[in-house]
Protein backbone atom coordinates (compact mmCIF):
# COMPACT_ATOMS: atom_id res chain seq x y z
CA MET A 1 0.00 0.00 0.00
CA ALA A 2 2.89 2.37 0.69
CA LEU A 3 3.99 2.02 -2.93
CA ILE A 4 0.68 2.95 -4.56
CA HIS A 5 -0.96 5.23 -1.96
CA PRO A 6 -4.52 4.05 -2.68
CA GLU A 7 -7.44 6.45 -2.64
CA ALA A 8 -9.71 3.67 -1.34
CA VAL A 9 -9.50 -0.05 -0.49
CA TYR A 10 -12.48 -2.40 -0.15
CA PHE A 11 -12.48 -6.07 0.82
CA GLY A 12 -15.11 -8.67 -0.04
CA THR A 13 -15.61 -11.83 -2.05
CA GLU A 14 -16.04 -12.47 -5.75
CA GLY A 15 -16.83 -15.93 -7.05
CA GLY A 16 -16.16 -17.37 -3.60
CA THR A 17 -12.65 -15.92 -3.52
CA ARG A 18 -11.27 -13.31 -1.14
CA THR A 19 -11.08 -10.07 -3.08
CA ALA A 20 -9.61 -6.62 -2.59
CA TYR A 21 -10.57 -3.63 -4.71
CA ILE A 22 -7.79 -1.06 -4.58
CA PHE A 23 -8.27 2.32 -6.23
CA PHE A 24 -5.12 4.29 -7.05
CA ASN A 25 -3.61 6.50 -9.74
CA LEU A 26 -1.32 4.65 -12.12
CA ASP A 27 0.72 7.36 -13.80
CA ASP A 28 3.13 4.95 -15.51
CA PRO A 29 1.99 1.57 -16.92
CA ALA A 30 5.55 0.30 -16.41
CA MET A 31 4.70 0.20 -12.69
CA MET A 32 2.24 -2.67 -13.19
CA PRO A 33 4.88 -5.42 -12.82
CA VAL A 34 6.39 -3.63 -9.82
CA ILE A 35 2.98 -3.60 -8.14
CA ALA A 36 1.76 -7.04 -9.20
CA GLU A 37 4.85 -9.24 -8.99
CA PRO A 38 5.14 -9.26 -5.17
CA LEU A 39 1.46 -10.20 -4.97
CA PHE A 40 2.02 -13.07 -7.42
CA GLN A 41 5.14 -14.35 -5.66
CA GLU A 42 4.24 -13.84 -2.00
CA LEU A 43 0.48 -14.40 -1.99
CA GLN A 44 -0.11 -16.41 -5.19
CA SER A 45 -2.70 -13.73 -6.01
CA LYS A 46 -4.62 -13.10 -9.18
CA VAL A 47 -4.12 -9.44 -10.13
CA GLU A 48 -6.21 -7.51 -12.61
CA PHE A 49 -5.76 -3.87 -13.64
CA LEU A 50 -8.90 -2.11 -14.85
CA PRO A 51 -8.17 1.38 -16.15
CA VAL A 52 -10.90 3.92 -15.53
CA MET A 53 -11.20 7.69 -15.76
CA ASN A 54 -13.00 10.47 -13.99
CA ALA A 55 -15.20 13.08 -15.68
CA ASP A 56 -12.27 15.47 -16.21
CA ASP A 57 -10.21 12.76 -17.93
CA LEU A 58 -13.19 11.91 -20.14
CA GLN A 59 -13.65 15.54 -21.17
CA ARG A 60 -9.94 15.84 -22.08
CA GLY A 61 -10.15 12.67 -24.15
CA LEU A 62 -13.28 13.81 -25.95
CA ALA A 63 -11.65 17.19 -26.65
CA LYS A 64 -8.72 15.39 -28.30
CA ILE A 65 -11.15 13.52 -30.56
CA ALA A 66 -12.84 16.78 -31.52
CA GLN A 67 -9.44 18.23 -32.53
CA GLN A 68 -8.85 15.49 -35.09
């Protein structure tokens, strides 16, 4: 957690498996192995990254489309 400084963390189950939902900013995709590898090696975890955006990010992306 110290590495990614999450905005929020929720724990529950999904498909009968212990699950954590961790919300954080990923500024550099090259950090994905740095974040995930210890979880693979130490906890035999399944890790999934799901990129999302907020309304401001969406507006910037739509503005870029309009410029084309």
